[in-house]
Amino acid sequence: MGNIQQYDFGDIEFVTTIRTSRPYADVEAIVKRILIDHGATIEESEQHWTVHFPEGTRRIEIWPRADSTRFRITFPDRYQIYETVTRYGISTLRYPSDEFPQAILQKYGYANPP
């Protein structure tokens, strides 16, 4: 397969807070570490997290819209994560796969078995 081309749409906007779905329990500690390591703070509830990003964090819409809107979020230290927002307003944050152990990647279908 060739490289997947990514398209930026619209203007870069600063982002301060996102209410997002809580991650699965087996990846929650990893995701929390990622966000905190890059300057975010997290308010937790039973179903959601409210993530407060450090000043200077920005996002831009990527990919053509279909059933959801996708954004690339760039922290001030240039670390990048992604956000998907469904047409119903539900936000899910996504993280680079190299942050997760192979067993987790395999469990969720992101890696080939050894």
N, C-alpha and C. Protein backbone atom coordinates (compact mmCIF):
# COMPACT_ATOMS: atom_id res chain seq x y z
N MET A 1 0.84 -1.17 0.00
CA MET A 1 0.00 0.00 0.00
C MET A 1 0.89 1.24 0.00
N GLY A 2 0.45 2.25 -0.67
CA GLY A 2 1.20 3.50 -0.71
C GLY A 2 0.95 4.35 0.52
N ASN A 3 1.62 5.46 0.57
CA ASN A 3 1.40 6.38 1.67
C ASN A 3 0.01 6.98 1.58
N ILE A 4 -0.60 7.18 2.73
CA ILE A 4 -1.91 7.83 2.78
C ILE A 4 -1.67 9.33 2.85
N GLN A 5 -2.25 10.06 1.93
CA GLN A 5 -2.09 11.50 1.93
C GLN A 5 -3.10 12.13 2.87
N GLN A 6 -2.63 13.11 3.59
CA GLN A 6 -3.48 13.79 4.56
C GLN A 6 -3.73 15.20 4.06
N TYR A 7 -4.95 15.66 4.18
CA TYR A 7 -5.30 16.97 3.69
C TYR A 7 -5.68 17.86 4.86
N ASP A 8 -5.20 19.09 4.85
CA ASP A 8 -5.58 20.08 5.85
C ASP A 8 -6.66 20.96 5.26
N PHE A 9 -7.68 21.23 6.06
CA PHE A 9 -8.76 22.10 5.65
C PHE A 9 -8.88 23.24 6.63
N GLY A 10 -9.37 24.35 6.17
CA GLY A 10 -9.67 25.45 7.08
C GLY A 10 -8.45 26.06 7.73
N ASP A 11 -8.73 26.80 8.77
CA ASP A 11 -7.69 27.54 9.46
C ASP A 11 -7.25 26.80 10.71
N ILE A 12 -6.03 27.06 11.10
CA ILE A 12 -5.54 26.55 12.37
C ILE A 12 -6.24 27.33 13.47
N GLU A 13 -6.73 26.61 14.48
CA GLU A 13 -7.37 27.27 15.60
C GLU A 13 -6.70 26.81 16.90
N PHE A 14 -6.71 27.67 17.89
CA PHE A 14 -6.18 27.28 19.18
C PHE A 14 -7.25 26.49 19.92
N VAL A 15 -6.84 25.47 20.64
CA VAL A 15 -7.76 24.63 21.39
C VAL A 15 -7.32 24.63 22.85
N THR A 16 -8.27 24.82 23.75
CA THR A 16 -7.94 24.84 25.17
C THR A 16 -8.54 23.65 25.91
N THR A 17 -9.75 23.25 25.54
CA THR A 17 -10.44 22.18 26.27
C THR A 17 -11.26 21.33 25.31
N ILE A 18 -11.22 20.02 25.53
CA ILE A 18 -12.04 19.09 24.76
C ILE A 18 -12.65 18.09 25.75
N ARG A 19 -13.96 17.90 25.62
CA ARG A 19 -14.64 16.83 26.38
C ARG A 19 -14.65 15.62 25.47
N THR A 20 -14.06 14.53 25.92
CA THR A 20 -13.86 13.37 25.08
C THR A 20 -14.30 12.09 25.78
N SER A 21 -14.58 11.07 24.99
CA SER A 21 -14.91 9.77 25.55
C SER A 21 -13.74 9.27 26.39
N ARG A 22 -14.06 8.62 27.46
CA ARG A 22 -13.02 8.05 28.33
C ARG A 22 -12.39 6.87 27.59
N PRO A 23 -11.06 6.73 27.66
CA PRO A 23 -10.42 5.60 26.96
C PRO A 23 -10.76 4.26 27.60
N TYR A 24 -10.54 3.18 26.86
CA TYR A 24 -10.72 1.84 27.41
C TYR A 24 -9.80 1.68 28.62
N ALA A 25 -10.23 0.89 29.59
CA ALA A 25 -9.49 0.73 30.84
C ALA A 25 -8.06 0.26 30.63
N ASP A 26 -7.83 -0.63 29.65
CA ASP A 26 -6.48 -1.18 29.47
C ASP A 26 -5.50 -0.21 28.81
N VAL A 27 -5.99 0.91 28.31
CA VAL A 27 -5.08 1.91 27.73
C VAL A 27 -5.13 3.24 28.48
N GLU A 28 -5.99 3.32 29.48
CA GLU A 28 -6.19 4.59 30.18
C GLU A 28 -4.90 5.14 30.78
N ALA A 29 -4.11 4.32 31.45
CA ALA A 29 -2.87 4.80 32.06
C ALA A 29 -1.89 5.32 31.01
N ILE A 30 -1.81 4.66 29.87
CA ILE A 30 -0.91 5.10 28.79
C ILE A 30 -1.36 6.45 28.25
N VAL A 31 -2.64 6.58 27.98
CA VAL A 31 -3.20 7.81 27.42
C VAL A 31 -3.03 8.97 28.41
N LYS A 32 -3.29 8.70 29.66
CA LYS A 32 -3.13 9.72 30.69
C LYS A 32 -1.68 10.21 30.73
N ARG A 33 -0.72 9.27 30.69
CA ARG A 33 0.70 9.64 30.69
C ARG A 33 1.04 10.50 29.49
N ILE A 34 0.54 10.13 28.31
CA ILE A 34 0.81 10.89 27.09
C ILE A 34 0.35 12.33 27.26
N LEU A 35 -0.89 12.50 27.67
CA LEU A 35 -1.44 13.85 27.80
C LEU A 35 -0.70 14.67 28.85
N ILE A 36 -0.45 14.09 30.01
CA ILE A 36 0.24 14.81 31.08
C ILE A 36 1.67 15.14 30.69
N ASP A 37 2.36 14.18 30.04
CA ASP A 37 3.75 14.42 29.60
C ASP A 37 3.86 15.61 28.65
N HIS A 38 2.78 15.91 27.94
CA HIS A 38 2.82 17.01 26.97
C HIS A 38 2.09 18.26 27.48
N GLY A 39 1.80 18.28 28.78
CA GLY A 39 1.33 19.50 29.41
C GLY A 39 -0.16 19.62 29.63
N ALA A 40 -0.93 18.60 29.31
CA ALA A 40 -2.38 18.66 29.51
C ALA A 40 -2.75 18.27 30.94
N THR A 41 -3.92 18.68 31.35
CA THR A 41 -4.50 18.21 32.60
C THR A 41 -5.84 17.57 32.27
N ILE A 42 -6.30 16.69 33.15
CA ILE A 42 -7.50 15.90 32.86
C ILE A 42 -8.46 15.97 34.04
N GLU A 43 -9.71 16.25 33.74
CA GLU A 43 -10.80 16.11 34.71
C GLU A 43 -11.56 14.86 34.31
N GLU A 44 -11.70 13.94 35.25
CA GLU A 44 -12.33 12.66 34.94
C GLU A 44 -13.74 12.57 35.50
N SER A 45 -14.64 11.98 34.70
CA SER A 45 -15.95 11.58 35.19
C SER A 45 -16.11 10.12 34.80
N GLU A 46 -17.23 9.54 35.15
CA GLU A 46 -17.42 8.12 34.88
C GLU A 46 -17.36 7.78 33.39
N GLN A 47 -17.93 8.63 32.55
CA GLN A 47 -18.01 8.35 31.11
C GLN A 47 -17.08 9.19 30.24
N HIS A 48 -16.64 10.34 30.73
CA HIS A 48 -15.90 11.28 29.90
C HIS A 48 -14.67 11.82 30.61
N TRP A 49 -13.79 12.37 29.82
CA TRP A 49 -12.69 13.17 30.32
C TRP A 49 -12.86 14.57 29.74
N THR A 50 -12.51 15.56 30.52
CA THR A 50 -12.36 16.91 30.01
C THR A 50 -10.86 17.18 30.02
N VAL A 51 -10.29 17.33 28.84
CA VAL A 51 -8.85 17.53 28.70
C VAL A 51 -8.59 19.01 28.50
N HIS A 52 -7.74 19.55 29.36
CA HIS A 52 -7.33 20.95 29.26
C HIS A 52 -5.92 20.96 28.67
N PHE A 53 -5.78 21.55 27.51
CA PHE A 53 -4.51 21.57 26.80
C PHE A 53 -3.66 22.76 27.23
N PRO A 54 -2.34 22.63 27.11
CA PRO A 54 -1.49 23.77 27.46
C PRO A 54 -1.68 24.91 26.46
N GLU A 55 -1.41 26.12 26.93
CA GLU A 55 -1.53 27.30 26.07
C GLU A 55 -0.66 27.12 24.83
N GLY A 56 -1.22 27.46 23.70
CA GLY A 56 -0.50 27.34 22.43
C GLY A 56 -0.82 26.07 21.66
N THR A 57 -1.65 25.18 22.24
CA THR A 57 -2.06 23.97 21.52
C THR A 57 -3.03 24.39 20.42
N ARG A 58 -2.85 23.81 19.25
CA ARG A 58 -3.71 24.19 18.12
C ARG A 58 -4.20 22.94 17.39
N ARG A 59 -5.25 23.14 16.62
CA ARG A 59 -5.77 22.02 15.84
C ARG A 59 -6.21 22.53 14.48
N ILE A 60 -6.22 21.58 13.54
CA ILE A 60 -6.66 21.88 12.19
C ILE A 60 -7.46 20.68 11.69
N GLU A 61 -8.51 20.97 10.96
CA GLU A 61 -9.31 19.89 10.39
C GLU A 61 -8.51 19.21 9.29
N ILE A 62 -8.61 17.88 9.27
CA ILE A 62 -7.90 17.09 8.26
C ILE A 62 -8.89 16.15 7.58
N TRP A 63 -8.55 15.67 6.42
CA TRP A 63 -9.35 14.74 5.63
C TRP A 63 -10.67 15.36 5.18
N PRO A 64 -11.21 14.88 4.11
CA PRO A 64 -12.55 15.32 3.71
C PRO A 64 -13.58 14.82 4.74
N ARG A 65 -14.61 15.59 4.98
CA ARG A 65 -15.65 15.18 5.93
C ARG A 65 -16.50 14.08 5.32
N ALA A 66 -16.90 13.17 6.19
CA ALA A 66 -17.87 12.14 5.81
C ALA A 66 -18.89 12.11 6.94
N ASP A 67 -18.87 11.06 7.73
CA ASP A 67 -19.78 10.98 8.88
C ASP A 67 -19.20 11.67 10.11
N SER A 68 -17.93 12.03 10.05
CA SER A 68 -17.29 12.66 11.20
C SER A 68 -16.30 13.71 10.73
N THR A 69 -15.88 14.52 11.68
CA THR A 69 -14.87 15.53 11.41
C THR A 69 -13.60 15.11 12.13
N ARG A 70 -12.48 15.23 11.46
CA ARG A 70 -11.22 14.80 12.05
C ARG A 70 -10.26 15.99 12.14
N PHE A 71 -9.53 16.01 13.25
CA PHE A 71 -8.59 17.09 13.50
C PHE A 71 -7.22 16.54 13.89
N ARG A 72 -6.20 17.26 13.54
CA ARG A 72 -4.85 17.00 14.05
C ARG A 72 -4.62 18.06 15.12
N ILE A 73 -4.26 17.62 16.31
CA ILE A 73 -3.98 18.52 17.43
C ILE A 73 -2.48 18.53 17.65
N THR A 74 -1.90 19.72 17.69
CA THR A 74 -0.46 19.86 17.88
C THR A 74 -0.20 20.62 19.17
N PHE A 75 0.50 19.96 20.08
CA PHE A 75 0.88 20.58 21.34
C PHE A 75 2.01 21.59 21.09
N PRO A 76 2.24 22.49 22.04
CA PRO A 76 3.34 23.45 21.87
C PRO A 76 4.71 22.78 21.66
N ASP A 77 4.90 21.57 22.19
CA ASP A 77 6.18 20.86 22.00
C ASP A 77 6.21 20.09 20.68
N ARG A 78 5.20 20.29 19.83
CA ARG A 78 5.04 19.70 18.49
C ARG A 78 4.55 18.26 18.48
N TYR A 79 4.26 17.70 19.62
CA TYR A 79 3.68 16.37 19.68
C TYR A 79 2.27 16.43 19.08
N GLN A 80 1.88 15.39 18.34
CA GLN A 80 0.58 15.41 17.67
C GLN A 80 -0.29 14.22 18.06
N ILE A 81 -1.56 14.51 18.29
CA ILE A 81 -2.59 13.50 18.45
C ILE A 81 -3.72 13.86 17.50
N TYR A 82 -4.75 13.06 17.47
CA TYR A 82 -5.86 13.29 16.55
C TYR A 82 -7.18 13.23 17.30
N GLU A 83 -8.16 13.96 16.77
CA GLU A 83 -9.50 13.96 17.34
C GLU A 83 -10.49 13.63 16.23
N THR A 84 -11.45 12.77 16.55
CA THR A 84 -12.57 12.50 15.66
C THR A 84 -13.83 12.93 16.39
N VAL A 85 -14.65 13.73 15.71
CA VAL A 85 -15.91 14.19 16.28
C VAL A 85 -17.02 13.68 15.36
N THR A 86 -17.92 12.86 15.93
CA THR A 86 -19.02 12.32 15.14
C THR A 86 -20.04 13.40 14.85
N ARG A 87 -20.96 13.11 13.95
CA ARG A 87 -22.02 14.07 13.64
C ARG A 87 -22.93 14.31 14.85
N TYR A 88 -22.82 13.46 15.86
CA TYR A 88 -23.60 13.62 17.09
C TYR A 88 -22.83 14.38 18.16
N GLY A 89 -21.62 14.85 17.81
CA GLY A 89 -20.83 15.65 18.74
C GLY A 89 -19.98 14.86 19.71
N ILE A 90 -19.84 13.56 19.50
CA ILE A 90 -19.03 12.73 20.39
C ILE A 90 -17.58 12.80 19.92
N SER A 91 -16.69 13.19 20.84
CA SER A 91 -15.27 13.36 20.53
C SER A 91 -14.47 12.17 21.07
N THR A 92 -13.56 11.67 20.23
CA THR A 92 -12.62 10.63 20.63
C THR A 92 -11.23 11.08 20.23
N LEU A 93 -10.29 10.99 21.18
CA LEU A 93 -8.90 11.34 20.87
C LEU A 93 -8.15 10.09 20.46
N ARG A 94 -7.24 10.24 19.52
CA ARG A 94 -6.42 9.14 19.00
C ARG A 94 -4.95 9.50 19.18
N TYR A 95 -4.12 8.47 19.35
CA TYR A 95 -2.72 8.67 19.70
C TYR A 95 -1.83 7.86 18.78
N PRO A 96 -0.58 8.28 18.59
CA PRO A 96 0.33 7.51 17.74
C PRO A 96 0.49 6.08 18.24
N SER A 97 0.45 5.12 17.34
CA SER A 97 0.49 3.71 17.72
C SER A 97 1.79 3.31 18.40
N ASP A 98 2.88 4.04 18.14
CA ASP A 98 4.15 3.65 18.77
C ASP A 98 4.18 3.92 20.27
N GLU A 99 3.13 4.51 20.82
CA GLU A 99 3.02 4.74 22.26
C GLU A 99 2.49 3.51 23.00
N PHE A 100 2.00 2.50 22.26
CA PHE A 100 1.32 1.37 22.88
C PHE A 100 2.10 0.08 22.67
N PRO A 101 2.04 -0.84 23.66
CA PRO A 101 2.69 -2.14 23.51
C PRO A 101 2.04 -2.96 22.39
N GLN A 102 2.80 -3.86 21.81
CA GLN A 102 2.30 -4.70 20.71
C GLN A 102 1.04 -5.46 21.10
N ALA A 103 0.96 -5.95 22.33
CA ALA A 103 -0.21 -6.73 22.76
C ALA A 103 -1.49 -5.89 22.67
N ILE A 104 -1.40 -4.63 23.03
CA ILE A 104 -2.57 -3.75 22.94
C ILE A 104 -2.91 -3.48 21.48
N LEU A 105 -1.89 -3.22 20.67
CA LEU A 105 -2.13 -2.97 19.25
C LEU A 105 -2.79 -4.18 18.59
N GLN A 106 -2.31 -5.37 18.92
CA GLN A 106 -2.90 -6.58 18.35
C GLN A 106 -4.34 -6.77 18.82
N LYS A 107 -4.59 -6.50 20.08
CA LYS A 107 -5.94 -6.66 20.64
C LYS A 107 -6.95 -5.81 19.88
N TYR A 108 -6.55 -4.60 19.50
CA TYR A 108 -7.47 -3.68 18.82
C TYR A 108 -7.27 -3.66 17.30
N GLY A 109 -6.49 -4.61 16.78
CA GLY A 109 -6.37 -4.77 15.33
C GLY A 109 -5.47 -3.79 14.63
N TYR A 110 -4.51 -3.19 15.36
CA TYR A 110 -3.61 -2.22 14.75
C TYR A 110 -2.23 -2.79 14.45
N ALA A 111 -2.02 -4.05 14.71
CA ALA A 111 -0.71 -4.65 14.43
C ALA A 111 -0.93 -6.08 13.98
N ASN A 112 0.01 -6.55 13.18
CA ASN A 112 -0.06 -7.95 12.75
C ASN A 112 0.55 -8.83 13.83
N PRO A 113 -0.01 -10.00 14.07
CA PRO A 113 0.57 -10.92 15.05
C PRO A 113 2.00 -11.27 14.66
N PRO A 114 2.87 -11.54 15.64
CA PRO A 114 4.28 -11.87 15.32
C PRO A 114 4.41 -13.13 14.53
